[in-house]
Amino acid sequence: MIELLNINKTFWVDQKEVHAVKDVNLHIQKAEIFGVIGFSGAGKSTLVRSINLLERPTSGQVIIDGVDITRLSDKELRNLRQSIGMIFQHFNLMPSRTVFENIDLPLKRTGISKAERVKKIEELLELVELKDKAQAYPNQLSGGQKQRVAIARALACSPKILLCDEATSALDPKTTNSILKLLKDLNEKLKLTIVVITHQMSVVKDICDRAALMENGRVIETNTVYNLFSHPNVESSKDFIEMAGNKNAFIEVLNKKNELSYIKKDIPIYLLTYTGDATGQALMSKLYALFKVEANILFGNIDYIKDKPLGQLAVQLSGENENIEKALEYIKEQKIDLEVLR
């Protein structure tokens, strides 16, 4: 569906050359929700704007449905952009126009009749659950409602692709959830290919099928979202993903001088990562029954990513050294990842 081949983008800022995107290669499949994640300044927004050539790459190819769009004429590119919708962090609505008129803006350029436009807008307002807001102005709407209008406007020309550039960053958590649910519904109903640019790992966990992690303009890892969280391959990926969970808070506690009294000094702390069916195991009771090894649980968390459980436990083990070694081997045999935190 979308192929980015050797994409580079260079800017000149204060007479200095800035490499915003460096040698990026991505393949985004039809009808999937694909995330591009990374800290601010990683190059995410520049990359997503390369997909519709709002930012034309310095070098590389952007291929959509087998066509290298960097070779299109201006007229051909304008026609192609009708098949690519885009929504932004700050909605970009026209404040002097009603909701109806905002959605009508891209439709006016298509040449279809007014009656057809009215029918289309009514269908879109129903789709985004704003049928009663057609004559309202943007300043009369909440942030979530404004984003729903922006989504309806982006869908006006029946695009095959929807680009979302930090579309939920300005919204509160409850509103964010409603917008993400809407995007998931649109993906299922319309078979839309959705590309989500975000620094919010919670967004990626909730809706994306696969994701690419960017750092300093480069894609450093691409994987399914579940594998990205459960088995990140790059150290930078681990650091970024830890920011999204409670594990980071626990590690901060470990690094403090006034450590919690129930954490025993000079005894290793192990991090166990459970995936899939292993998450439901009563492992700690088994360790005692089989090896007379007791587990002091310091931290625990179970998350659900694409409806699959992912669990983590930080524990200290006590018992005979030989039995602890046997217990550690048993843990590994259960296909549970084992890492020494300290």
Protein backbone atom coordinates (compact mmCIF):
# COMPACT_ATOMS: atom_id res chain seq x y z
CA MET A 1 0.00 0.00 0.00
CA ILE A 2 2.60 2.57 1.16
CA GLU A 3 6.32 2.10 0.63
CA LEU A 4 8.94 4.58 1.76
CA LEU A 5 12.28 3.80 0.16
CA ASN A 6 15.51 5.46 1.34
CA ILE A 7 13.70 8.62 2.45
CA ASN A 8 15.94 11.53 3.45
CA LYS A 9 14.88 15.05 4.34
CA THR A 10 17.34 17.88 4.95
CA PHE A 11 16.54 21.42 6.11
CA TRP A 12 18.74 24.49 6.40
CA VAL A 13 18.24 26.28 9.71
CA ASP A 14 20.39 29.34 10.52
CA GLN A 15 22.80 28.28 7.78
CA LYS A 16 23.16 24.84 9.37
CA GLU A 17 22.18 21.62 7.64
CA VAL A 18 19.66 19.61 9.67
CA HIS A 19 19.00 15.97 8.72
CA ALA A 20 15.40 15.51 9.91
CA VAL A 21 14.90 12.09 8.27
CA LYS A 22 17.73 9.71 7.42
CA ASP A 23 17.53 6.65 5.14
CA VAL A 24 14.04 5.55 6.23
CA ASN A 25 12.54 2.42 4.68
CA LEU A 26 8.99 1.40 5.64
CA HIS A 27 6.26 -0.79 4.20
CA ILE A 28 2.74 -0.09 5.45
CA GLN A 29 0.10 -2.65 4.56
CA LYS A 30 -3.38 -1.96 3.27
CA ALA A 31 -6.04 -1.48 5.98
CA GLU A 32 -3.61 -1.66 8.90
CA ILE A 33 -3.14 0.92 11.63
CA PHE A 34 0.56 1.74 11.65
CA GLY A 35 2.23 3.83 14.34
CA VAL A 36 5.34 5.97 14.10
CA ILE A 37 6.59 6.76 17.59
CA GLY A 38 9.49 8.59 19.18
CA PHE A 39 10.42 11.52 21.37
CA SER A 40 9.97 15.13 20.18
CA GLY A 41 12.43 15.97 17.42
CA ALA A 42 12.79 12.35 16.26
CA GLY A 43 11.53 13.22 12.76
CA LYS A 44 8.05 11.67 13.01
CA SER A 45 6.01 14.58 11.66
CA THR A 46 8.45 15.24 8.84
CA LEU A 47 8.22 11.59 7.85
CA VAL A 48 4.41 11.45 7.83
CA ARG A 49 4.24 14.65 5.77
CA SER A 50 6.47 12.94 3.23
CA ILE A 51 3.71 10.41 2.55
CA ASN A 52 1.51 13.04 0.87
CA LEU A 53 4.50 15.23 -0.10
CA LEU A 54 3.53 18.13 2.15
CA GLU A 55 7.23 17.76 2.87
CA ARG A 56 8.94 16.66 -0.30
CA PRO A 57 11.87 14.33 0.51
CA THR A 58 15.34 15.52 -0.38
CA SER A 59 15.88 12.03 -1.79
CA GLY A 60 14.08 8.69 -1.88
CA GLN A 61 10.81 7.30 -3.20
CA VAL A 62 7.25 7.43 -1.88
CA ILE A 63 5.29 4.63 -3.52
CA ILE A 64 1.52 4.38 -3.07
CA ASP A 65 -0.29 1.49 -4.75
CA GLY A 66 2.76 0.89 -6.91
CA VAL A 67 3.09 4.53 -8.08
CA ASP A 68 6.13 6.65 -7.17
CA ILE A 69 4.29 9.86 -6.32
CA THR A 70 7.50 11.92 -6.25
CA ARG A 71 7.40 11.70 -10.07
CA LEU A 72 3.83 12.99 -10.46
CA SER A 73 2.98 16.34 -12.01
CA ASP A 74 1.38 19.02 -9.82
CA LYS A 75 -2.08 18.20 -11.23
CA GLU A 76 -1.60 14.45 -10.71
CA LEU A 77 -0.40 15.07 -7.16
CA ARG A 78 -3.45 17.23 -6.36
CA ASN A 79 -5.72 14.42 -7.57
CA LEU A 80 -3.81 11.84 -5.57
CA ARG A 81 -4.05 13.89 -2.37
CA GLN A 82 -7.84 13.48 -2.47
CA SER A 83 -7.20 9.83 -1.59
CA ILE A 84 -5.09 10.80 1.45
CA GLY A 85 -6.86 12.46 4.39
CA MET A 86 -4.96 14.14 7.22
CA ILE A 87 -5.77 15.30 10.74
CA PHE A 88 -3.61 17.41 13.05
CA GLN A 89 -3.03 18.10 16.74
CA HIS A 90 -4.79 21.51 16.67
CA PHE A 91 -7.70 20.57 14.35
CA ASN A 92 -7.09 23.40 11.81
CA LEU A 93 -10.79 24.23 11.47
CA MET A 94 -12.02 27.50 9.95
CA PRO A 95 -13.42 29.44 12.95
CA SER A 96 -15.78 31.58 10.85
CA ARG A 97 -17.47 28.56 9.24
CA THR A 98 -19.97 26.12 10.70
CA VAL A 99 -19.24 22.42 11.16
CA PHE A 100 -21.20 21.74 7.96
CA GLU A 101 -19.21 24.36 6.03
CA ASN A 102 -15.85 23.09 7.33
CA ILE A 103 -16.60 19.60 6.05
CA ASP A 104 -17.87 21.03 2.79
CA LEU A 105 -14.58 22.81 1.99
CA PRO A 106 -12.76 19.85 0.36
CA LEU A 107 -15.97 18.65 -1.30
CA LYS A 108 -16.41 21.95 -3.15
CA ARG A 109 -13.19 21.25 -5.05
CA THR A 110 -14.46 17.89 -6.32
CA GLY A 111 -17.11 19.35 -8.63
CA ILE A 112 -19.98 17.19 -7.35
CA SER A 113 -23.43 18.74 -7.04
CA LYS A 114 -24.64 20.55 -3.93
CA ALA A 115 -27.25 17.86 -3.29
CA GLU A 116 -24.56 15.16 -3.36
CA ARG A 117 -22.39 17.24 -1.04
CA VAL A 118 -25.20 17.69 1.47
CA LYS A 119 -25.90 13.94 1.44
CA LYS A 120 -22.21 13.15 1.93
CA ILE A 121 -21.82 15.62 4.82
CA GLU A 122 -24.89 14.26 6.58
CA GLU A 123 -23.46 10.73 6.29
CA LEU A 124 -20.11 11.87 7.67
CA LEU A 125 -21.70 13.72 10.59
CA GLU A 126 -23.59 10.56 11.49
CA LEU A 127 -20.39 8.51 11.18
CA VAL A 128 -18.54 10.75 13.66
CA GLU A 129 -21.65 11.14 15.87
CA LEU A 130 -22.10 14.90 15.40
CA LYS A 131 -25.35 15.03 13.49
CA ASP A 132 -26.79 17.63 15.88
CA LYS A 133 -23.76 19.96 15.51
CA ALA A 134 -24.01 20.74 11.78
CA GLN A 135 -24.74 24.45 12.30
CA ALA A 136 -22.45 24.95 15.30
CA TYR A 137 -19.18 26.92 15.06
CA PRO A 138 -15.82 25.52 16.22
CA ASN A 139 -15.73 27.78 19.31
CA GLN A 140 -18.97 26.12 20.48
CA LEU A 141 -17.39 22.65 20.45
CA SER A 142 -15.24 20.69 22.86
CA GLY A 143 -11.76 19.53 21.84
CA GLY A 144 -13.01 16.03 21.09
CA GLN A 145 -15.86 17.36 18.96
CA LYS A 146 -13.47 19.58 17.01
CA GLN A 147 -11.27 16.57 16.26
CA ARG A 148 -14.33 14.61 15.12
CA VAL A 149 -15.14 17.45 12.70
CA ALA A 150 -11.54 17.36 11.47
CA ILE A 151 -11.85 13.60 10.93
CA ALA A 152 -15.12 14.04 9.02
CA ARG A 153 -13.47 16.70 6.84
CA ALA A 154 -10.49 14.40 6.21
CA LEU A 155 -12.90 11.64 5.10
CA ALA A 156 -14.95 13.91 2.84
CA CYS A 157 -13.27 12.77 -0.38
CA SER A 158 -13.42 9.06 0.59
CA PRO A 159 -9.66 8.61 1.07
CA LYS A 160 -7.88 5.24 1.19
CA ILE A 161 -5.31 6.57 3.66
CA LEU A 162 -5.70 8.67 6.81
CA LEU A 163 -2.64 10.37 8.30
CA CYS A 164 -2.88 11.38 11.97
CA ASP A 165 -0.17 13.79 13.14
CA GLU A 166 -0.29 13.87 16.98
CA ALA A 167 -4.09 13.89 16.63
CA THR A 168 -4.77 13.21 20.33
CA SER A 169 -1.92 15.15 21.97
CA ALA A 170 -4.12 18.16 22.82
CA LEU A 171 -6.94 16.04 24.27
CA ASP A 172 -7.65 14.78 27.78
CA PRO A 173 -7.46 10.99 28.41
CA LYS A 174 -11.22 10.37 28.23
CA THR A 175 -11.56 12.29 24.96
CA THR A 176 -8.46 10.59 23.59
CA ASN A 177 -10.08 7.19 24.20
CA SER A 178 -13.22 8.23 22.32
CA ILE A 179 -11.18 9.46 19.33
CA LEU A 180 -9.10 6.26 19.28
CA LYS A 181 -12.29 4.17 19.37
CA LEU A 182 -13.62 6.20 16.44
CA LEU A 183 -10.40 5.62 14.46
CA LYS A 184 -10.59 1.87 15.15
CA ASP A 185 -14.23 1.82 13.99
CA LEU A 186 -13.34 3.73 10.81
CA ASN A 187 -10.49 1.33 10.11
CA GLU A 188 -12.87 -1.64 10.39
CA LYS A 189 -15.86 -0.13 8.57
CA LEU A 190 -14.04 1.65 5.74
CA LYS A 191 -10.90 -0.54 5.53
CA LEU A 192 -8.86 2.65 5.90
CA THR A 193 -5.10 2.49 6.09
CA ILE A 194 -4.27 4.70 9.08
CA VAL A 195 -0.81 6.07 9.90
CA VAL A 196 -0.57 7.42 13.46
CA ILE A 197 2.25 9.75 14.49
CA THR A 198 2.54 10.04 18.27
CA HIS A 199 4.83 10.21 21.27
CA GLN A 200 2.08 8.64 23.42
CA MET A 201 2.78 4.94 23.90
CA SER A 202 -0.75 4.46 25.24
CA VAL A 203 -2.10 5.45 21.80
CA VAL A 204 0.13 2.89 20.09
CA LYS A 205 -0.92 0.16 22.54
CA ASP A 206 -4.60 0.89 22.04
CA ILE A 207 -4.98 0.93 18.27
CA CYS A 208 -1.85 0.13 16.24
CA ASP A 209 -1.13 -3.21 14.57
CA ARG A 210 2.53 -2.46 13.93
CA ALA A 211 4.82 0.45 14.77
CA ALA A 212 8.18 1.97 13.91
CA LEU A 213 10.30 3.67 16.54
CA MET A 214 12.26 6.73 15.38
CA GLU A 215 15.31 8.31 16.97
CA ASN A 216 17.38 11.18 15.53
CA GLY A 217 15.69 10.90 12.15
CA ARG A 218 16.20 7.14 11.76
CA VAL A 219 13.86 4.20 12.20
CA ILE A 220 15.64 2.06 14.75
CA GLU A 221 13.05 -0.71 15.09
CA THR A 222 9.87 -1.89 13.34
CA ASN A 223 7.69 -4.64 14.77
CA THR A 224 4.20 -5.68 15.76
CA VAL A 225 3.09 -3.59 18.70
CA TYR A 226 2.93 -6.65 20.97
CA ASN A 227 6.49 -7.71 20.12
CA LEU A 228 7.71 -4.13 20.44
CA PHE A 229 6.47 -4.04 24.04
CA SER A 230 7.32 -7.61 25.01
CA HIS A 231 10.65 -8.09 23.21
CA PRO A 232 12.17 -4.77 22.10
CA ASN A 233 15.33 -5.48 20.12
CA VAL A 234 17.16 -2.17 20.58
CA GLU A 235 18.23 -0.55 23.86
CA SER A 236 16.66 2.75 22.81
CA SER A 237 13.36 0.92 22.24
CA LYS A 238 13.50 -0.47 25.78
CA ASP A 239 14.13 3.00 27.21
CA PHE A 240 11.24 4.54 25.29
CA ILE A 241 8.78 1.76 26.12
CA GLU A 242 9.63 1.86 29.82
CA MET A 243 8.42 5.46 29.86
CA ALA A 244 4.90 4.14 29.12
CA GLY A 245 4.64 1.76 32.05
CA ASN A 246 4.97 1.55 35.82
CA LYS A 247 8.29 -0.27 35.63
CA ASN A 248 10.11 3.03 35.22
CA ALA A 249 8.64 4.33 38.50
CA PHE A 250 9.75 1.15 40.27
CA ILE A 251 13.31 1.48 38.94
CA GLU A 252 13.39 5.09 40.18
CA VAL A 253 12.52 3.80 43.66
CA LEU A 254 15.38 1.27 43.42
CA ASN A 255 17.83 4.03 42.57
CA LYS A 256 16.94 6.15 45.59
CA LYS A 257 19.23 6.11 48.62
CA ASN A 258 16.37 5.60 51.09
CA GLU A 259 15.30 2.28 49.65
CA LEU A 260 12.05 0.62 50.74
CA SER A 261 12.50 -1.57 53.81
CA TYR A 262 10.98 -4.69 52.25
CA ILE A 263 13.67 -4.73 49.50
CA LYS A 264 16.51 -6.89 50.79
CA LYS A 265 20.00 -5.58 50.11
CA ASP A 266 22.65 -7.73 48.40
CA ILE A 267 20.01 -10.09 46.96
CA PRO A 268 19.42 -10.00 43.16
CA ILE A 269 16.21 -8.51 41.84
CA TYR A 270 14.82 -10.38 38.84
CA LEU A 271 12.38 -9.01 36.27
CA LEU A 272 10.07 -11.65 34.81
CA THR A 273 8.23 -10.84 31.58
CA TYR A 274 5.24 -13.06 30.81
CA THR A 275 3.65 -13.20 27.37
CA GLY A 276 0.50 -14.91 26.10
CA ASP A 277 -0.68 -17.95 28.07
CA ALA A 278 2.28 -17.72 30.48
CA THR A 279 0.68 -14.61 32.02
CA GLY A 280 -1.91 -16.70 33.82
CA GLN A 281 0.54 -19.07 35.52
CA ALA A 282 0.61 -19.30 39.33
CA LEU A 283 4.38 -19.33 39.09
CA MET A 284 5.34 -18.09 42.56
CA SER A 285 3.41 -20.86 44.34
CA LYS A 286 4.97 -23.44 42.00
CA LEU A 287 8.48 -22.24 42.87
CA TYR A 288 7.80 -22.93 46.52
CA ALA A 289 6.09 -26.28 45.91
CA LEU A 290 8.85 -27.56 43.62
CA PHE A 291 12.00 -25.97 45.04
CA LYS A 292 11.10 -24.49 48.46
CA VAL A 293 12.01 -21.07 47.04
CA GLU A 294 10.02 -18.09 48.31
CA ALA A 295 9.39 -15.04 46.17
CA ASN A 296 9.19 -11.51 47.52
CA ILE A 297 7.17 -9.60 44.89
CA LEU A 298 8.38 -6.00 44.60
CA PHE A 299 6.48 -4.91 41.50
CA GLY A 300 3.76 -6.37 39.30
CA ASN A 301 1.84 -5.25 36.23
CA ILE A 302 -0.39 -6.85 33.57
CA ASP A 303 -1.16 -4.93 30.41
CA TYR A 304 -3.32 -5.82 27.42
CA ILE A 305 -2.00 -5.06 23.93
CA LYS A 306 -4.27 -5.91 21.00
CA ASP A 307 -6.26 -8.07 23.45
CA LYS A 308 -3.19 -10.13 24.38
CA PRO A 309 -1.87 -10.04 27.97
CA LEU A 310 1.65 -8.93 28.80
CA GLY A 311 2.76 -9.25 32.42
CA GLN A 312 5.84 -8.22 34.41
CA LEU A 313 6.97 -9.11 37.94
CA ALA A 314 10.03 -7.91 39.83
CA VAL A 315 10.96 -10.41 42.56
CA GLN A 316 13.66 -11.38 45.02
CA LEU A 317 14.07 -15.12 45.63
CA SER A 318 15.08 -16.66 48.95
CA GLY A 319 16.06 -20.24 49.73
CA GLU A 320 19.03 -22.56 49.24
CA ASN A 321 21.35 -21.28 46.49
CA GLU A 322 21.15 -24.58 44.62
CA ASN A 323 17.35 -24.48 44.71
CA ILE A 324 17.29 -20.87 43.54
CA GLU A 325 19.39 -21.87 40.52
CA LYS A 326 16.94 -24.68 39.76
CA ALA A 327 14.03 -22.25 40.15
CA LEU A 328 15.63 -19.80 37.68
CA GLU A 329 16.10 -22.60 35.13
CA TYR A 330 12.49 -23.64 35.63
CA ILE A 331 11.32 -20.05 34.99
CA LYS A 332 13.23 -19.97 31.69
CA GLU A 333 11.73 -23.34 30.68
CA GLN A 334 8.26 -21.78 31.03
CA LYS A 335 9.20 -19.35 28.22
CA ILE A 336 9.24 -16.44 30.64
CA ASP A 337 11.90 -13.82 29.97
CA LEU A 338 14.27 -13.35 32.88
CA GLU A 339 16.37 -10.24 33.41
CA VAL A 340 18.54 -9.23 36.39
CA LEU A 341 17.53 -5.70 37.36
CA ARG A 342 20.09 -5.43 40.17
